[in-house]
Amino acid sequence: MSTEMIIRLVIVGLVAAALVVGFALDEKTYRD
């Protein structure tokens, strides 16, 4: 794997994690 692919995978992973965490926090705030 090239360095560019690894960097892209890391960025995509961080964005996906941020979206999941954001949705989870939104659900918690709405439920409370």
PDB file of N, CA and C in Angstrom:
ATOM      1  N   MET A   1       0.851  -1.212   0.000  1.00  0.00           N
ATOM      2  CA  MET A   1       0.000   0.000   0.000  1.00  0.00           C
ATOM      3  C   MET A   1       0.875   1.247   0.000  1.00  0.00           C
ATOM      4  N   SER A   2       0.467   2.233  -0.767  1.00  0.00           N
ATOM      5  CA  SER A   2       1.228   3.478  -0.814  1.00  0.00           C
ATOM      6  C   SER A   2       0.831   4.386   0.346  1.00  0.00           C
ATOM      7  N   THR A   3       1.661   5.373   0.599  1.00  0.00           N
ATOM      8  CA  THR A   3       1.374   6.286   1.711  1.00  0.00           C
ATOM      9  C   THR A   3       0.082   7.054   1.476  1.00  0.00           C
ATOM     10  N   GLU A   4      -0.159   7.437   0.218  1.00  0.00           N
ATOM     11  CA  GLU A   4      -1.391   8.199  -0.076  1.00  0.00           C
ATOM     12  C   GLU A   4      -2.636   7.401   0.275  1.00  0.00           C
ATOM     13  N   MET A   5      -2.647   6.106  -0.060  1.00  0.00           N
ATOM     14  CA  MET A   5      -3.821   5.274   0.240  1.00  0.00           C
ATOM     15  C   MET A   5      -4.034   5.183   1.745  1.00  0.00           C
ATOM     16  N   ILE A   6      -2.940   5.004   2.503  1.00  0.00           N
ATOM     17  CA  ILE A   6      -3.054   4.905   3.962  1.00  0.00           C
ATOM     18  C   ILE A   6      -3.622   6.203   4.525  1.00  0.00           C
ATOM     19  N   ILE A   7      -3.114   7.345   4.041  1.00  0.00           N
ATOM     20  CA  ILE A   7      -3.603   8.646   4.533  1.00  0.00           C
ATOM     21  C   ILE A   7      -5.081   8.799   4.210  1.00  0.00           C
ATOM     22  N   ARG A   8      -5.477   8.400   2.990  1.00  0.00           N
ATOM     23  CA  ARG A   8      -6.897   8.509   2.614  1.00  0.00           C
ATOM     24  C   ARG A   8      -7.753   7.627   3.510  1.00  0.00           C
ATOM     25  N   LEU A   9      -7.297   6.410   3.782  1.00  0.00           N
ATOM     26  CA  LEU A   9      -8.068   5.497   4.643  1.00  0.00           C
ATOM     27  C   LEU A   9      -8.203   6.088   6.044  1.00  0.00           C
ATOM     28  N   VAL A  10      -7.131   6.682   6.554  1.00  0.00           N
ATOM     29  CA  VAL A  10      -7.175   7.281   7.895  1.00  0.00           C
ATOM     30  C   VAL A  10      -8.176   8.428   7.922  1.00  0.00           C
ATOM     31  N   ILE A  11      -8.139   9.287   6.904  1.00  0.00           N
ATOM     32  CA  ILE A  11      -9.056  10.433   6.852  1.00  0.00           C
ATOM     33  C   ILE A  11     -10.496   9.945   6.763  1.00  0.00           C
ATOM     34  N   VAL A  12     -10.758   8.983   5.876  1.00  0.00           N
ATOM     35  CA  VAL A  12     -12.119   8.440   5.735  1.00  0.00           C
ATOM     36  C   VAL A  12     -12.567   7.825   7.056  1.00  0.00           C
ATOM     37  N   GLY A  13     -11.670   7.110   7.733  1.00  0.00           N
ATOM     38  CA  GLY A  13     -12.015   6.491   9.019  1.00  0.00           C
ATOM     39  C   GLY A  13     -12.354   7.543  10.059  1.00  0.00           C
ATOM     40  N   LEU A  14     -11.586   8.614  10.106  1.00  0.00           N
ATOM     41  CA  LEU A  14     -11.851   9.676  11.085  1.00  0.00           C
ATOM     42  C   LEU A  14     -13.189  10.346  10.794  1.00  0.00           C
ATOM     43  N   VAL A  15     -13.468  10.599   9.526  1.00  0.00           N
ATOM     44  CA  VAL A  15     -14.743  11.227   9.156  1.00  0.00           C
ATOM     45  C   VAL A  15     -15.903  10.312   9.529  1.00  0.00           C
ATOM     46  N   ALA A  16     -15.776   9.021   9.223  1.00  0.00           N
ATOM     47  CA  ALA A  16     -16.842   8.063   9.551  1.00  0.00           C
ATOM     48  C   ALA A  16     -17.040   8.001  11.061  1.00  0.00           C
ATOM     49  N   ALA A  17     -15.948   7.962  11.819  1.00  0.00           N
ATOM     50  CA  ALA A  17     -16.050   7.903  13.280  1.00  0.00           C
ATOM     51  C   ALA A  17     -16.712   9.172  13.804  1.00  0.00           C
ATOM     52  N   ALA A  18     -16.348  10.326  13.241  1.00  0.00           N
ATOM     53  CA  ALA A  18     -16.943  11.590  13.689  1.00  0.00           C
ATOM     54  C   ALA A  18     -18.446  11.589  13.421  1.00  0.00           C
ATOM     55  N   LEU A  19     -18.859  11.065  12.257  1.00  0.00           N
ATOM     56  CA  LEU A  19     -20.292  11.011  11.934  1.00  0.00           C
ATOM     57  C   LEU A  19     -21.019  10.096  12.914  1.00  0.00           C
ATOM     58  N   VAL A  20     -20.444   8.927  13.193  1.00  0.00           N
ATOM     59  CA  VAL A  20     -21.081   7.969  14.118  1.00  0.00           C
ATOM     60  C   VAL A  20     -21.207   8.590  15.504  1.00  0.00           C
ATOM     61  N   VAL A  21     -20.128   9.217  15.987  1.00  0.00           N
ATOM     62  CA  VAL A  21     -20.163   9.845  17.316  1.00  0.00           C
ATOM     63  C   VAL A  21     -21.182  10.973  17.326  1.00  0.00           C
ATOM     64  N   GLY A  22     -21.225  11.750  16.255  1.00  0.00           N
ATOM     65  CA  GLY A  22     -22.179  12.859  16.173  1.00  0.00           C
ATOM     66  C   GLY A  22     -23.607  12.358  16.234  1.00  0.00           C
ATOM     67  N   PHE A  23     -23.907  11.306  15.477  1.00  0.00           N
ATOM     68  CA  PHE A  23     -25.267  10.754  15.498  1.00  0.00           C
ATOM     69  C   PHE A  23     -25.587  10.223  16.885  1.00  0.00           C
ATOM     70  N   ALA A  24     -24.656   9.540  17.524  1.00  0.00           N
ATOM     71  CA  ALA A  24     -24.885   8.976  18.857  1.00  0.00           C
ATOM     72  C   ALA A  24     -25.168  10.094  19.855  1.00  0.00           C
ATOM     73  N   LEU A  25     -24.399  11.180  19.795  1.00  0.00           N
ATOM     74  CA  LEU A  25     -24.615  12.293  20.724  1.00  0.00           C
ATOM     75  C   LEU A  25     -25.967  12.943  20.454  1.00  0.00           C
ATOM     76  N   ASP A  26     -26.336  13.076  19.184  1.00  0.00           N
ATOM     77  CA  ASP A  26     -27.639  13.668  18.848  1.00  0.00           C
ATOM     78  C   ASP A  26     -28.763  12.819  19.422  1.00  0.00           C
ATOM     79  N   GLU A  27     -28.663  11.495  19.285  1.00  0.00           N
ATOM     80  CA  GLU A  27     -29.708  10.613  19.811  1.00  0.00           C
ATOM     81  C   GLU A  27     -29.808  10.762  21.322  1.00  0.00           C
ATOM     82  N   LYS A  28     -28.667  10.834  21.997  1.00  0.00           N
ATOM     83  CA  LYS A  28     -28.681  10.966  23.463  1.00  0.00           C
ATOM     84  C   LYS A  28     -29.341  12.281  23.870  1.00  0.00           C
ATOM     85  N   THR A  29     -28.995  13.368  23.209  1.00  0.00           N
ATOM     86  CA  THR A  29     -29.556  14.673  23.585  1.00  0.00           C
ATOM     87  C   THR A  29     -31.055  14.703  23.305  1.00  0.00           C
ATOM     88  N   TYR A  30     -31.477  14.085  22.200  1.00  0.00           N
ATOM     89  CA  TYR A  30     -32.915  14.077  21.885  1.00  0.00           C
ATOM     90  C   TYR A  30     -33.674  13.224  22.901  1.00  0.00           C
ATOM     91  N   ARG A  31     -33.104  12.082  23.293  1.00  0.00           N
ATOM     92  CA  ARG A  31     -33.784  11.199  24.249  1.00  0.00           C
ATOM     93  C   ARG A  31     -33.886  11.873  25.610  1.00  0.00           C
ATOM     94  N   ASP A  32     -32.827  12.563  26.012  1.00  0.00           N
ATOM     95  CA  ASP A  32     -32.854  13.239  27.317  1.00  0.00           C
ATOM     96  C   ASP A  32     -33.711  14.500  27.193  1.00  0.00           C
TER      97      ASP A  32
END
